[in-house]
C-alpha atoms as a PDB file:
ATOM      1  CA  UNK A   1      -9.153  66.064  84.085  1.00  0.00           C
ATOM      2  CA  UNK A   2      -8.053  66.751  87.654  1.00  0.00           C
ATOM      3  CA  UNK A   3      -8.877  64.093  90.236  1.00  0.00           C
ATOM      4  CA  UNK A   4     -11.103  64.806  93.212  1.00  0.00           C
ATOM      5  CA  UNK A   5      -8.028  64.624  95.492  1.00  0.00           C
ATOM      6  CA  UNK A   6      -6.214  67.229  93.415  1.00  0.00           C
ATOM      7  CA  UNK A   7      -9.254  69.491  93.486  1.00  0.00           C
ATOM      8  CA  UNK A   8      -9.565  69.147  97.271  1.00  0.00           C
ATOM      9  CA  UNK A   9      -5.827  69.827  97.693  1.00  0.00           C
ATOM     10  CA  UNK A  10      -5.984  72.933  95.507  1.00  0.00           C
ATOM     11  CA  UNK A  11      -9.059  74.160  97.339  1.00  0.00           C
ATOM     12  CA  UNK A  12      -7.292  73.651 100.658  1.00  0.00           C
ATOM     13  CA  UNK A  13      -4.256  75.625  99.498  1.00  0.00           C
ATOM     14  CA  UNK A  14      -6.505  78.369  98.166  1.00  0.00           C
ATOM     15  CA  UNK A  15      -8.228  78.590 101.540  1.00  0.00           C
ATOM     16  CA  UNK A  16      -4.861  78.814 103.345  1.00  0.00           C
ATOM     17  CA  UNK A  17      -3.690  81.538 100.941  1.00  0.00           C
ATOM     18  CA  UNK A  18      -6.873  83.601 101.310  1.00  0.00           C
ATOM     19  CA  UNK A  19      -6.820  83.293 105.097  1.00  0.00           C
ATOM     20  CA  UNK A  20      -3.155  84.381 105.227  1.00  0.00           C
ATOM     21  CA  UNK A  21      -3.908  87.446 103.087  1.00  0.00           C
ATOM     22  CA  UNK A  22      -7.023  88.466 105.010  1.00  0.00           C
ATOM     23  CA  UNK A  23      -5.227  88.024 108.348  1.00  0.00           C
ATOM     24  CA  UNK A  24      -2.543  90.490 107.234  1.00  0.00           C
ATOM     25  CA  UNK A  25      -4.879  92.907 105.470  1.00  0.00           C
ATOM     26  CA  UNK A  26      -3.557  92.043 102.012  1.00  0.00           C
ATOM     27  CA  UNK A  27      -6.032  92.679  99.168  1.00  0.00           C
ATOM     28  CA  UNK A  28      -6.782  89.390  97.325  1.00  0.00           C
ATOM     29  CA  UNK A  29      -5.697  90.680  93.914  1.00  0.00           C
ATOM     30  CA  UNK A  30      -4.520  88.185  91.252  1.00  0.00           C
ATOM     31  CA  UNK A  31      -0.867  89.148  91.885  1.00  0.00           C
ATOM     32  CA  UNK A  32      -1.160  88.826  95.659  1.00  0.00           C
ATOM     33  CA  UNK A  33      -3.091  85.571  95.345  1.00  0.00           C
ATOM     34  CA  UNK A  34      -0.346  84.096  93.124  1.00  0.00           C
ATOM     35  CA  UNK A  35       2.282  84.971  95.738  1.00  0.00           C
ATOM     36  CA  UNK A  36       0.372  83.573  98.704  1.00  0.00           C
ATOM     37  CA  UNK A  37      -0.905  80.464  96.948  1.00  0.00           C
ATOM     38  CA  UNK A  38       2.671  79.458  96.114  1.00  0.00           C
ATOM     39  CA  UNK A  39       3.686  80.376  99.665  1.00  0.00           C
ATOM     40  CA  UNK A  40       0.968  78.006 100.924  1.00  0.00           C
ATOM     41  CA  UNK A  41       2.446  75.179  98.826  1.00  0.00           C
ATOM     42  CA  UNK A  42       5.927  75.687 100.376  1.00  0.00           C
ATOM     43  CA  UNK A  43       7.399  74.550  97.044  1.00  0.00           C
ATOM     44  CA  UNK A  44       9.517  77.659  96.413  1.00  0.00           C
ATOM     45  CA  UNK A  45      12.054  77.796  99.206  1.00  0.00           C
ATOM     46  CA  UNK A  46      13.248  81.304  98.392  1.00  0.00           C
ATOM     47  CA  UNK A  47       9.718  82.764  98.462  1.00  0.00           C
ATOM     48  CA  UNK A  48       8.867  80.943 101.682  1.00  0.00           C
ATOM     49  CA  UNK A  49      12.054  82.210 103.326  1.00  0.00           C
ATOM     50  CA  UNK A  50      11.433  85.791 102.191  1.00  0.00           C
ATOM     51  CA  UNK A  51       7.856  85.938 103.501  1.00  0.00           C
ATOM     52  CA  UNK A  52       8.809  84.177 106.737  1.00  0.00           C
ATOM     53  CA  UNK A  53      11.531  86.800 107.299  1.00  0.00           C
ATOM     54  CA  UNK A  54       9.051  89.630 106.707  1.00  0.00           C
ATOM     55  CA  UNK A  55       6.592  88.076 109.156  1.00  0.00           C
ATOM     56  CA  UNK A  56       9.335  87.508 111.738  1.00  0.00           C
ATOM     57  CA  UNK A  57      10.393  91.156 111.448  1.00  0.00           C
ATOM     58  CA  UNK A  58       6.727  92.174 111.881  1.00  0.00           C
ATOM     59  CA  UNK A  59       6.874  94.286 108.743  1.00  0.00           C
ATOM     60  CA  UNK A  60       3.653  95.515 107.191  1.00  0.00           C
ATOM     61  CA  UNK A  61       2.658  94.021 103.833  1.00  0.00           C
ATOM     62  CA  UNK A  62       2.164  97.339 102.062  1.00  0.00           C
ATOM     63  CA  UNK A  63       1.005  97.647  98.458  1.00  0.00           C
ATOM     64  CA  UNK A  64       4.593  98.402  97.439  1.00  0.00           C
ATOM     65  CA  UNK A  65       5.986  95.372  99.276  1.00  0.00           C
ATOM     66  CA  UNK A  66       3.290  93.107  97.817  1.00  0.00           C
ATOM     67  CA  UNK A  67       4.105  94.256  94.300  1.00  0.00           C
ATOM     68  CA  UNK A  68       7.841  93.809  94.918  1.00  0.00           C
ATOM     69  CA  UNK A  69       7.238  90.207  95.984  1.00  0.00           C
ATOM     70  CA  UNK A  70       5.258  89.498  92.837  1.00  0.00           C
ATOM     71  CA  UNK A  71       7.753  91.224  90.569  1.00  0.00           C
ATOM     72  CA  UNK A  72      10.746  89.505  92.149  1.00  0.00           C
ATOM     73  CA  UNK A  73       9.386  85.971  92.086  1.00  0.00           C
ATOM     74  CA  UNK A  74       6.834  85.891  89.296  1.00  0.00           C
ATOM     75  CA  UNK A  75       6.969  88.770  86.844  1.00  0.00           C
ATOM     76  CA  UNK A  76       9.787  89.221  84.332  1.00  0.00           C
ATOM     77  CA  UNK A  77       7.480  90.328  81.513  1.00  0.00           C
ATOM     78  CA  UNK A  78       8.877  93.845  81.214  1.00  0.00           C
ATOM     79  CA  UNK A  79      12.431  92.586  80.780  1.00  0.00           C
ATOM     80  CA  UNK A  80      11.298  89.862  78.367  1.00  0.00           C
ATOM     81  CA  UNK A  81       9.259  92.418  76.428  1.00  0.00           C
ATOM     82  CA  UNK A  82      12.262  94.740  76.112  1.00  0.00           C
ATOM     83  CA  UNK A  83      14.465  91.879  74.975  1.00  0.00           C
ATOM     84  CA  UNK A  84      11.822  90.714  72.517  1.00  0.00           C
ATOM     85  CA  UNK A  85      11.326  94.175  71.038  1.00  0.00           C
ATOM     86  CA  UNK A  86      15.043  94.784  70.644  1.00  0.00           C
ATOM     87  CA  UNK A  87      15.510  91.307  69.189  1.00  0.00           C
ATOM     88  CA  UNK A  88      12.672  91.867  66.717  1.00  0.00           C
ATOM     89  CA  UNK A  89      14.159  95.148  65.553  1.00  0.00           C
ATOM     90  CA  UNK A  90      17.553  93.521  65.230  1.00  0.00           C
ATOM     91  CA  UNK A  91      16.108  90.747  63.047  1.00  0.00           C
ATOM     92  CA  UNK A  92      14.290  93.331  60.943  1.00  0.00           C
ATOM     93  CA  UNK A  93      17.554  95.159  60.293  1.00  0.00           C
ATOM     94  CA  UNK A  94      19.298  91.910  59.385  1.00  0.00           C
ATOM     95  CA  UNK A  95      16.487  91.053  56.956  1.00  0.00           C
ATOM     96  CA  UNK A  96      16.777  94.502  55.422  1.00  0.00           C
ATOM     97  CA  UNK A  97      20.505  94.083  54.855  1.00  0.00           C
ATOM     98  CA  UNK A  98      19.988  90.609  53.376  1.00  0.00           C
ATOM     99  CA  UNK A  99      17.387  92.018  50.980  1.00  0.00           C
ATOM    100  CA  UNK A 100      19.810  94.759  49.944  1.00  0.00           C
ATOM    101  CA  UNK A 101      22.575  92.217  49.417  1.00  0.00           C
ATOM    102  CA  UNK A 102      20.184  90.132  47.298  1.00  0.00           C
ATOM    103  CA  UNK A 103      19.398  93.182  45.175  1.00  0.00           C
ATOM    104  CA  UNK A 104      23.104  93.872  44.718  1.00  0.00           C
ATOM    105  CA  UNK A 105      23.614  90.256  43.722  1.00  0.00           C
ATOM    106  CA  UNK A 106      20.792  90.436  41.199  1.00  0.00           C
ATOM    107  CA  UNK A 107      22.111  93.668  39.721  1.00  0.00           C
ATOM    108  CA  UNK A 108      25.579  92.180  39.427  1.00  0.00           C
ATOM    109  CA  UNK A 109      24.285  89.048  37.688  1.00  0.00           C
ATOM    110  CA  UNK A 110      22.205  91.132  35.246  1.00  0.00           C
ATOM    111  CA  UNK A 111      25.198  93.330  34.474  1.00  0.00           C
ATOM    112  CA  UNK A 112      27.329  90.251  33.916  1.00  0.00           C
ATOM    113  CA  UNK A 113      24.779  88.847  31.479  1.00  0.00           C
ATOM    114  CA  UNK A 114      24.769  92.100  29.543  1.00  0.00           C
ATOM    115  CA  UNK A 115      28.570  92.069  29.376  1.00  0.00           C
ATOM    116  CA  UNK A 116      28.406  88.555  27.950  1.00  0.00           C
ATOM    117  CA  UNK A 117      25.854  89.718  25.374  1.00  0.00           C
ATOM    118  CA  UNK A 118      27.999  92.677  24.349  1.00  0.00           C
ATOM    119  CA  UNK A 119      31.016  90.406  24.104  1.00  0.00           C
ATOM    120  CA  UNK A 120      29.158  88.042  21.759  1.00  0.00           C
ATOM    121  CA  UNK A 121      27.966  90.944  19.636  1.00  0.00           C
ATOM    122  CA  UNK A 122      31.511  92.362  19.369  1.00  0.00           C
ATOM    123  CA  UNK A 123      32.791  88.958  18.231  1.00  0.00           C
ATOM    124  CA  UNK A 124      30.043  88.712  15.608  1.00  0.00           C
ATOM    125  CA  UNK A 125      30.110  89.792  11.972  1.00  0.00           C
ATOM    126  CA  UNK A 126      28.565  93.174  12.729  1.00  0.00           C
ATOM    127  CA  UNK A 127      30.811  93.804  15.707  1.00  0.00           C
ATOM    128  CA  UNK A 128      33.245  96.076  13.916  1.00  0.00           C
ATOM    129  CA  UNK A 129      30.529  98.191  12.308  1.00  0.00           C
ATOM    130  CA  UNK A 130      28.552  98.608  15.560  1.00  0.00           C
ATOM    131  CA  UNK A 131      31.490  98.776  17.966  1.00  0.00           C
ATOM    132  CA  UNK A 132      30.943 102.447  18.760  1.00  0.00           C
ATOM    133  CA  UNK A 133      27.283 101.906  19.574  1.00  0.00           C
ATOM    134  CA  UNK A 134      28.025  98.771  21.635  1.00  0.00           C
ATOM    135  CA  UNK A 135      30.729 100.563  23.635  1.00  0.00           C
ATOM    136  CA  UNK A 136      28.429 103.532  24.240  1.00  0.00           C
ATOM    137  CA  UNK A 137      25.683 101.234  25.480  1.00  0.00           C
ATOM    138  CA  UNK A 138      28.182  99.413  27.684  1.00  0.00           C
ATOM    139  CA  UNK A 139      29.355 102.691  29.178  1.00  0.00           C
ATOM    140  CA  UNK A 140      25.785 103.732  29.894  1.00  0.00           C
ATOM    141  CA  UNK A 141      25.019 100.392  31.572  1.00  0.00           C
ATOM    142  CA  UNK A 142      28.189 100.728  33.633  1.00  0.00           C
ATOM    143  CA  UNK A 143      27.200 104.206  34.820  1.00  0.00           C
ATOM    144  CA  UNK A 144      23.702 103.019  35.685  1.00  0.00           C
ATOM    145  CA  UNK A 145      24.999 100.035  37.670  1.00  0.00           C
ATOM    146  CA  UNK A 146      27.547 102.235  39.409  1.00  0.00           C
ATOM    147  CA  UNK A 147      24.820 104.664  40.522  1.00  0.00           C
ATOM    148  CA  UNK A 148      22.546 101.872  41.741  1.00  0.00           C
ATOM    149  CA  UNK A 149      25.429 100.322  43.672  1.00  0.00           C
ATOM    150  CA  UNK A 150      26.234 103.686  45.249  1.00  0.00           C
ATOM    151  CA  UNK A 151      22.656 103.984  46.516  1.00  0.00           C
ATOM    152  CA  UNK A 152      22.642 100.386  47.767  1.00  0.00           C
ATOM    153  CA  UNK A 153      25.995 100.880  49.490  1.00  0.00           C
ATOM    154  CA  UNK A 154      24.567 103.878  51.333  1.00  0.00           C
ATOM    155  CA  UNK A 155      21.586 101.769  52.404  1.00  0.00           C
ATOM    156  CA  UNK A 156      23.848  98.998  53.689  1.00  0.00           C
ATOM    157  CA  UNK A 157      25.977 101.525  55.592  1.00  0.00           C
ATOM    158  CA  UNK A 158      22.853 102.981  57.222  1.00  0.00           C
ATOM    159  CA  UNK A 159      21.508  99.526  58.079  1.00  0.00           C
ATOM    160  CA  UNK A 160      24.861  98.466  59.516  1.00  0.00           C
ATOM    161  CA  UNK A 161      24.856 101.518  61.767  1.00  0.00           C
ATOM    162  CA  UNK A 162      21.331 100.721  62.957  1.00  0.00           C
ATOM    163  CA  UNK A 163      22.288  97.091  63.598  1.00  0.00           C
ATOM    164  CA  UNK A 164      25.262  98.189  65.713  1.00  0.00           C
ATOM    165  CA  UNK A 165      23.005 100.464  67.766  1.00  0.00           C
ATOM    166  CA  UNK A 166      20.521  97.621  68.284  1.00  0.00           C
ATOM    167  CA  UNK A 167      23.317  95.260  69.306  1.00  0.00           C
ATOM    168  CA  UNK A 168      24.398  97.757  71.950  1.00  0.00           C
ATOM    169  CA  UNK A 169      20.797  98.126  73.095  1.00  0.00           C
ATOM    170  CA  UNK A 170      20.415  94.360  73.391  1.00  0.00           C
ATOM    171  CA  UNK A 171      23.559  94.205  75.528  1.00  0.00           C
ATOM    172  CA  UNK A 172      22.284  97.042  77.733  1.00  0.00           C
ATOM    173  CA  UNK A 173      18.816  95.517  78.120  1.00  0.00           C
ATOM    174  CA  UNK A 174      20.217  92.101  78.969  1.00  0.00           C
ATOM    175  CA  UNK A 175      22.635  93.660  81.485  1.00  0.00           C
ATOM    176  CA  UNK A 176      19.750  95.494  83.140  1.00  0.00           C
ATOM    177  CA  UNK A 177      17.575  92.370  83.180  1.00  0.00           C
ATOM    178  CA  UNK A 178      20.241  90.282  84.901  1.00  0.00           C
ATOM    179  CA  UNK A 179      21.922  92.865  87.179  1.00  0.00           C
ATOM    180  CA  UNK A 180      20.870  94.056  90.617  1.00  0.00           C
ATOM    181  CA  UNK A 181      20.451  97.820  90.345  1.00  0.00           C
ATOM    182  CA  UNK A 182      21.593  98.597  93.905  1.00  0.00           C
ATOM    183  CA  UNK A 183      24.742  96.464  94.215  1.00  0.00           C
ATOM    184  CA  UNK A 184      25.769  96.127  90.571  1.00  0.00           C
ATOM    185  CA  UNK A 185      26.254  92.355  90.825  1.00  0.00           C
ATOM    186  CA  UNK A 186      24.087  89.679  89.127  1.00  0.00           C
ATOM    187  CA  UNK A 187      20.507  89.398  90.366  1.00  0.00           C
ATOM    188  CA  UNK A 188      18.192  86.499  91.140  1.00  0.00           C
ATOM    189  CA  UNK A 189      17.304  85.917  87.473  1.00  0.00           C
ATOM    190  CA  UNK A 190      20.980  85.664  86.580  1.00  0.00           C
ATOM    191  CA  UNK A 191      21.587  83.270  89.477  1.00  0.00           C
ATOM    192  CA  UNK A 192      18.732  80.991  88.381  1.00  0.00           C
ATOM    193  CA  UNK A 193      20.085  80.860  84.837  1.00  0.00           C
ATOM    194  CA  UNK A 194      23.664  80.180  85.930  1.00  0.00           C
ATOM    195  CA  UNK A 195      22.562  77.565  88.467  1.00  0.00           C
ATOM    196  CA  UNK A 196      20.853  75.612  85.685  1.00  0.00           C
ATOM    197  CA  UNK A 197      23.901  75.874  83.424  1.00  0.00           C
ATOM    198  CA  UNK A 198      26.455  75.017  86.113  1.00  0.00           C
ATOM    199  CA  UNK A 199      24.526  72.034  87.476  1.00  0.00           C
ATOM    200  CA  UNK A 200      24.176  70.663  83.948  1.00  0.00           C
ATOM    201  CA  UNK A 201      27.914  71.098  83.444  1.00  0.00           C
ATOM    202  CA  UNK A 202      28.681  69.459  86.807  1.00  0.00           C
ATOM    203  CA  UNK A 203      26.568  66.457  85.812  1.00  0.00           C
ATOM    204  CA  UNK A 204      28.336  66.189  82.449  1.00  0.00           C
ATOM    205  CA  UNK A 205      31.892  66.552  83.790  1.00  0.00           C
ATOM    206  CA  UNK A 206      31.590  65.036  87.260  1.00  0.00           C
ATOM    207  CA  UNK A 207      33.213  68.147  88.756  1.00  0.00           C
ATOM    208  CA  UNK A 208      31.911  69.393  92.130  1.00  0.00           C
ATOM    209  CA  UNK A 209      29.728  72.486  92.435  1.00  0.00           C
ATOM    210  CA  UNK A 210      29.075  74.324  95.695  1.00  0.00           C
ATOM    211  CA  UNK A 211      26.618  77.015  96.682  1.00  0.00           C
ATOM    212  CA  UNK A 212      27.058  79.629  99.397  1.00  0.00           C
ATOM    213  CA  UNK A 213      24.073  81.463 100.859  1.00  0.00           C
ATOM    214  CA  UNK A 214      25.062  84.521 102.897  1.00  0.00           C
ATOM    215  CA  UNK A 215      22.810  86.549 105.157  1.00  0.00           C
ATOM    216  CA  UNK A 216      23.828  89.877 106.709  1.00  0.00           C
ATOM    217  CA  UNK A 217      23.579  89.567 110.485  1.00  0.00           C
ATOM    218  CA  UNK A 218      21.150  91.974 112.169  1.00  0.00           C
ATOM    219  CA  UNK A 219      20.594  93.864 108.927  1.00  0.00           C
ATOM    220  CA  UNK A 220      17.309  95.223 110.242  1.00  0.00           C
ATOM    221  CA  UNK A 221      19.357  97.012 112.914  1.00  0.00           C
ATOM    222  CA  UNK A 222      21.131  99.123 110.261  1.00  0.00           C
ATOM    223  CA  UNK A 223      17.829 100.162 108.685  1.00  0.00           C
ATOM    224  CA  UNK A 224      15.986 100.821 111.935  1.00  0.00           C
ATOM    225  CA  UNK A 225      18.858 102.591 113.697  1.00  0.00           C
ATOM    226  CA  UNK A 226      20.573 104.519 110.913  1.00  0.00           C
ATOM    227  CA  UNK A 227      18.006 104.619 108.104  1.00  0.00           C
ATOM    228  CA  UNK A 228      17.572 102.905 104.758  1.00  0.00           C
ATOM    229  CA  UNK A 229      20.357 104.891 103.098  1.00  0.00           C
ATOM    230  CA  UNK A 230      22.858 103.309 105.451  1.00  0.00           C
ATOM    231  CA  UNK A 231      21.188  99.957 104.860  1.00  0.00           C
ATOM    232  CA  UNK A 232      21.651 100.435 101.118  1.00  0.00           C
ATOM    233  CA  UNK A 233      25.283 101.340 101.714  1.00  0.00           C
ATOM    234  CA  UNK A 234      25.732  98.077 103.628  1.00  0.00           C
ATOM    235  CA  UNK A 235      24.202  96.091 100.761  1.00  0.00           C
ATOM    236  CA  UNK A 236      26.459  97.811  98.213  1.00  0.00           C
ATOM    237  CA  UNK A 237      29.544  97.152 100.315  1.00  0.00           C
ATOM    238  CA  UNK A 238      28.681  93.467 100.661  1.00  0.00           C
ATOM    239  CA  UNK A 239      28.025  93.192  96.935  1.00  0.00           C
ATOM    240  CA  UNK A 240      31.343  94.823  96.041  1.00  0.00           C
ATOM    241  CA  UNK A 241      33.201  92.674  98.550  1.00  0.00           C
ATOM    242  CA  UNK A 242      31.756  89.459  97.133  1.00  0.00           C
ATOM    243  CA  UNK A 243      32.709  90.572  93.645  1.00  0.00           C
ATOM    244  CA  UNK A 244      36.264  91.327  94.793  1.00  0.00           C
ATOM    245  CA  UNK A 245      36.631  88.019  96.651  1.00  0.00           C
ATOM    246  CA  UNK A 246      35.643  85.643  93.853  1.00  0.00           C
ATOM    247  CA  UNK A 247      37.681  84.703  90.813  1.00  0.00           C
ATOM    248  CA  UNK A 248      37.373  82.887  87.527  1.00  0.00           C
ATOM    249  CA  UNK A 249      33.887  81.513  86.925  1.00  0.00           C
ATOM    250  CA  UNK A 250      32.739  81.902  90.546  1.00  0.00           C
ATOM    251  CA  UNK A 251      29.518  83.910  90.460  1.00  0.00           C
ATOM    252  CA  UNK A 252      28.105  86.104  93.248  1.00  0.00           C
ATOM    253  CA  UNK A 253      24.529  87.381  93.105  1.00  0.00           C
ATOM    254  CA  UNK A 254      22.035  89.230  95.239  1.00  0.00           C
ATOM    255  CA  UNK A 255      19.374  86.674  96.070  1.00  0.00           C
ATOM    256  CA  UNK A 256      16.860  89.009  97.685  1.00  0.00           C
ATOM    257  CA  UNK A 257      16.733  91.477 100.559  1.00  0.00           C
ATOM    258  CA  UNK A 258      19.876  91.057 102.653  1.00  0.00           C
ATOM    259  CA  UNK A 259      20.705  87.606 101.242  1.00  0.00           C
ATOM    260  CA  UNK A 260      23.423  86.885  98.721  1.00  0.00           C
ATOM    261  CA  UNK A 261      24.556  83.707  96.982  1.00  0.00           C
ATOM    262  CA  UNK A 262      27.784  82.540  95.353  1.00  0.00           C
ATOM    263  CA  UNK A 263      28.135  79.660  92.904  1.00  0.00           C
ATOM    264  CA  UNK A 264      31.521  77.927  93.111  1.00  0.00           C
ATOM    265  CA  UNK A 265      32.050  75.546  90.166  1.00  0.00           C
ATOM    266  CA  UNK A 266      34.834  72.957  90.369  1.00  0.00           C
ATOM    267  CA  UNK A 267      35.024  73.488  94.138  1.00  0.00           C
ATOM    268  CA  UNK A 268      34.846  70.779  96.798  1.00  0.00           C
ATOM    269  CA  UNK A 269      32.862  71.296  99.989  1.00  0.00           C
ATOM    270  CA  UNK A 270      35.876  71.884 102.317  1.00  0.00           C
ATOM    271  CA  UNK A 271      37.323  74.387  99.841  1.00  0.00           C
ATOM    272  CA  UNK A 272      33.973  76.157  99.591  1.00  0.00           C
ATOM    273  CA  UNK A 273      33.903  76.468 103.396  1.00  0.00           C
ATOM    274  CA  UNK A 274      37.368  78.038 103.258  1.00  0.00           C
ATOM    275  CA  UNK A 275      36.248  80.537 100.603  1.00  0.00           C
ATOM    276  CA  UNK A 276      33.159  81.383 102.647  1.00  0.00           C
ATOM    277  CA  UNK A 277      35.183  82.037 105.788  1.00  0.00           C
ATOM    278  CA  UNK A 278      37.656  84.214 103.867  1.00  0.00           C
ATOM    279  CA  UNK A 279      34.731  86.308 102.656  1.00  0.00           C
ATOM    280  CA  UNK A 280      33.294  86.480 106.169  1.00  0.00           C
ATOM    281  CA  UNK A 281      36.547  87.724 107.691  1.00  0.00           C
ATOM    282  CA  UNK A 282      37.108  90.195 104.828  1.00  0.00           C
ATOM    283  CA  UNK A 283      33.712  91.753 105.505  1.00  0.00           C
ATOM    284  CA  UNK A 284      34.466  91.978 109.241  1.00  0.00           C
ATOM    285  CA  UNK A 285      37.465  94.188 108.450  1.00  0.00           C
ATOM    286  CA  UNK A 286      35.391  96.688 106.511  1.00  0.00           C
ATOM    287  CA  UNK A 287      33.552  99.447 108.314  1.00  0.00           C
ATOM    288  CA  UNK A 288      30.589 101.557 107.298  1.00  0.00           C
ATOM    289  CA  UNK A 289      31.664 105.174 107.717  1.00  0.00           C
ATOM    290  CA  UNK A 290      29.718 108.311 106.794  1.00  0.00           C
ATOM    291  CA  UNK A 291      31.883 110.332 104.432  1.00  0.00           C
ATOM    292  CA  UNK A 292      30.858 113.849 105.421  1.00  0.00           C
ATOM    293  CA  UNK A 293      31.066 113.366 109.207  1.00  0.00           C
ATOM    294  CA  UNK A 294      33.283 110.321 109.571  1.00  0.00           C
ATOM    295  CA  UNK A 295      30.625 108.684 111.764  1.00  0.00           C
ATOM    296  CA  UNK A 296      31.353 104.987 112.260  1.00  0.00           C
ATOM    297  CA  UNK A 297      28.317 102.750 111.852  1.00  0.00           C
ATOM    298  CA  UNK A 298      30.193  99.630 112.910  1.00  0.00           C
ATOM    299  CA  UNK A 299      31.236  96.427 111.208  1.00  0.00           C
ATOM    300  CA  UNK A 300      29.372  93.954 109.044  1.00  0.00           C
ATOM    301  CA  UNK A 301      29.140  90.272 109.833  1.00  0.00           C
ATOM    302  CA  UNK A 302      27.494  87.533 107.831  1.00  0.00           C
ATOM    303  CA  UNK A 303      26.278  84.011 108.439  1.00  0.00           C
ATOM    304  CA  UNK A 304      26.957  81.551 105.638  1.00  0.00           C
ATOM    305  CA  UNK A 305      25.490  78.185 104.688  1.00  0.00           C
ATOM    306  CA  UNK A 306      27.361  75.926 102.254  1.00  0.00           C
ATOM    307  CA  UNK A 307      25.780  73.247 100.068  1.00  0.00           C
ATOM    308  CA  UNK A 308      27.205  70.698  97.620  1.00  0.00           C
ATOM    309  CA  UNK A 309      25.325  69.759  94.454  1.00  0.00           C
ATOM    310  CA  UNK A 310      24.471  66.101  93.958  1.00  0.00           C
ATOM    311  CA  UNK A 311      24.154  64.995  90.324  1.00  0.00           C
ATOM    312  CA  UNK A 312      20.588  64.561  89.165  1.00  0.00           C
ATOM    313  CA  UNK A 313      18.868  66.169  92.139  1.00  0.00           C
ATOM    314  CA  UNK A 314      16.310  69.000  91.722  1.00  0.00           C
ATOM    315  CA  UNK A 315      17.879  72.446  91.815  1.00  0.00           C
ATOM    316  CA  UNK A 316      15.807  73.301  94.880  1.00  0.00           C
ATOM    317  CA  UNK A 317      17.582  70.564  96.851  1.00  0.00           C
ATOM    318  CA  UNK A 318      20.999  72.231  96.971  1.00  0.00           C
ATOM    319  CA  UNK A 319      19.355  75.572  97.774  1.00  0.00           C
ATOM    320  CA  UNK A 320      17.418  73.994 100.614  1.00  0.00           C
ATOM    321  CA  UNK A 321      20.485  72.282 102.123  1.00  0.00           C
ATOM    322  CA  UNK A 322      22.567  75.462 101.947  1.00  0.00           C
ATOM    323  CA  UNK A 323      19.636  77.376 103.418  1.00  0.00           C
ATOM    324  CA  UNK A 324      19.309  74.910 106.297  1.00  0.00           C
ATOM    325  CA  UNK A 325      23.044  75.234 106.962  1.00  0.00           C
ATOM    326  CA  UNK A 326      22.625  79.013 106.981  1.00  0.00           C
ATOM    327  CA  UNK A 327      19.906  78.808 109.613  1.00  0.00           C
ATOM    328  CA  UNK A 328      22.102  76.555 111.747  1.00  0.00           C
ATOM    329  CA  UNK A 329      24.833  79.188 111.513  1.00  0.00           C
ATOM    330  CA  UNK A 330      22.397  81.821 112.720  1.00  0.00           C
ATOM    331  CA  UNK A 331      21.102  79.625 115.548  1.00  0.00           C
ATOM    332  CA  UNK A 332      24.639  78.886 116.688  1.00  0.00           C
ATOM    333  CA  UNK A 333      25.441  82.565 117.148  1.00  0.00           C
ATOM    334  CA  UNK A 334      25.788  84.120 113.654  1.00  0.00           C
ATOM    335  CA  UNK A 335      29.055  85.396 112.131  1.00  0.00           C
ATOM    336  CA  UNK A 336      30.098  81.898 111.120  1.00  0.00           C
ATOM    337  CA  UNK A 337      30.130  79.367 108.286  1.00  0.00           C
ATOM    338  CA  UNK A 338      28.279  76.049 108.465  1.00  0.00           C
ATOM    339  CA  UNK A 339      28.448  73.320 105.820  1.00  0.00           C
ATOM    340  CA  UNK A 340      25.503  71.107 104.964  1.00  0.00           C
ATOM    341  CA  UNK A 341      27.090  67.941 106.325  1.00  0.00           C
ATOM    342  CA  UNK A 342      28.125  69.178 109.768  1.00  0.00           C
ATOM    343  CA  UNK A 343      26.432  70.929 112.647  1.00  0.00           C
ATOM    344  CA  UNK A 344      29.642  72.533 113.861  1.00  0.00           C
ATOM    345  CA  UNK A 345      30.660  75.923 112.621  1.00  0.00           C
ATOM    346  CA  UNK A 346      33.919  76.550 110.829  1.00  0.00           C
ATOM    347  CA  UNK A 347      36.546  78.105 113.102  1.00  0.00           C
ATOM    348  CA  UNK A 348      36.394  81.853 113.328  1.00  0.00           C
ATOM    349  CA  UNK A 349      39.468  83.590 112.039  1.00  0.00           C
ATOM    350  CA  UNK A 350      40.889  86.628 113.775  1.00  0.00           C
ATOM    351  CA  UNK A 351      39.805  89.870 112.154  1.00  0.00           C
END
């Protein structure tokens, strides 16, 4: 049973959440309440940062935006349902094949027993007199088994084809569930899964693991000045650039909005800062140009925060330190890299 303190704390958070929704004209639906209650707790750094950015930009919390927040941070049921359905069908096909194989095995054993029986009868005293009948019966049994095996082989071939199709569907569904549709790189769900795996590996091996959080500078300017299509083009370009700049097991992902992350396993903090600055300068050299008119929309700059994982700490801790470093980079003028353990930005390289 919850203590009176816990009840009072929950009630206080509920009051904060309801007040925040009513102040912004957000309907207190179950989905919206879940988002704003967690926001009131400040326990999910990524959700807090996202809502704070929306408030700072003075964006309206429309029904579409509210649903996007819930879907991004709370609801993966559709993807899980698709995976579950495909997985269930796959298992059904496997069971079907196993049943067919069992039937084939039973038929083969029965045929073998009959061959043994015919062999005994041929070796017996009446074998010579009844040889013609025994051979005829054997031939008939052989034809019958051959026909049954032909039918079963066709069933196995059909089931194998269905299994292959389901395997491809599972791959496609999983790719969709873990890939950002706009940029084509891994999404937040994929990042969360890989962060868990890589931190566990870092703890087991003692190897360093670094996290980069990148934020596109003045991204709202692209959307407000040139439209959302240009903004989407900027996001795609950043995503492709991150993918091109990493190697091996390094993993970039779109974290949400105009923020991206990169996991750098087996990478020390100074080396991670170097990688981050290489990415920053690479992006500065790339321009957004309209293909049909050649109109130049300018260059892209990013601010980057770098964090180093400490064995045994909660996963949120490294995210928070990298996030704090990112905000220092933005406060110090943007277009720079800041590591968690220093307040000075990495030197800017010439573009």
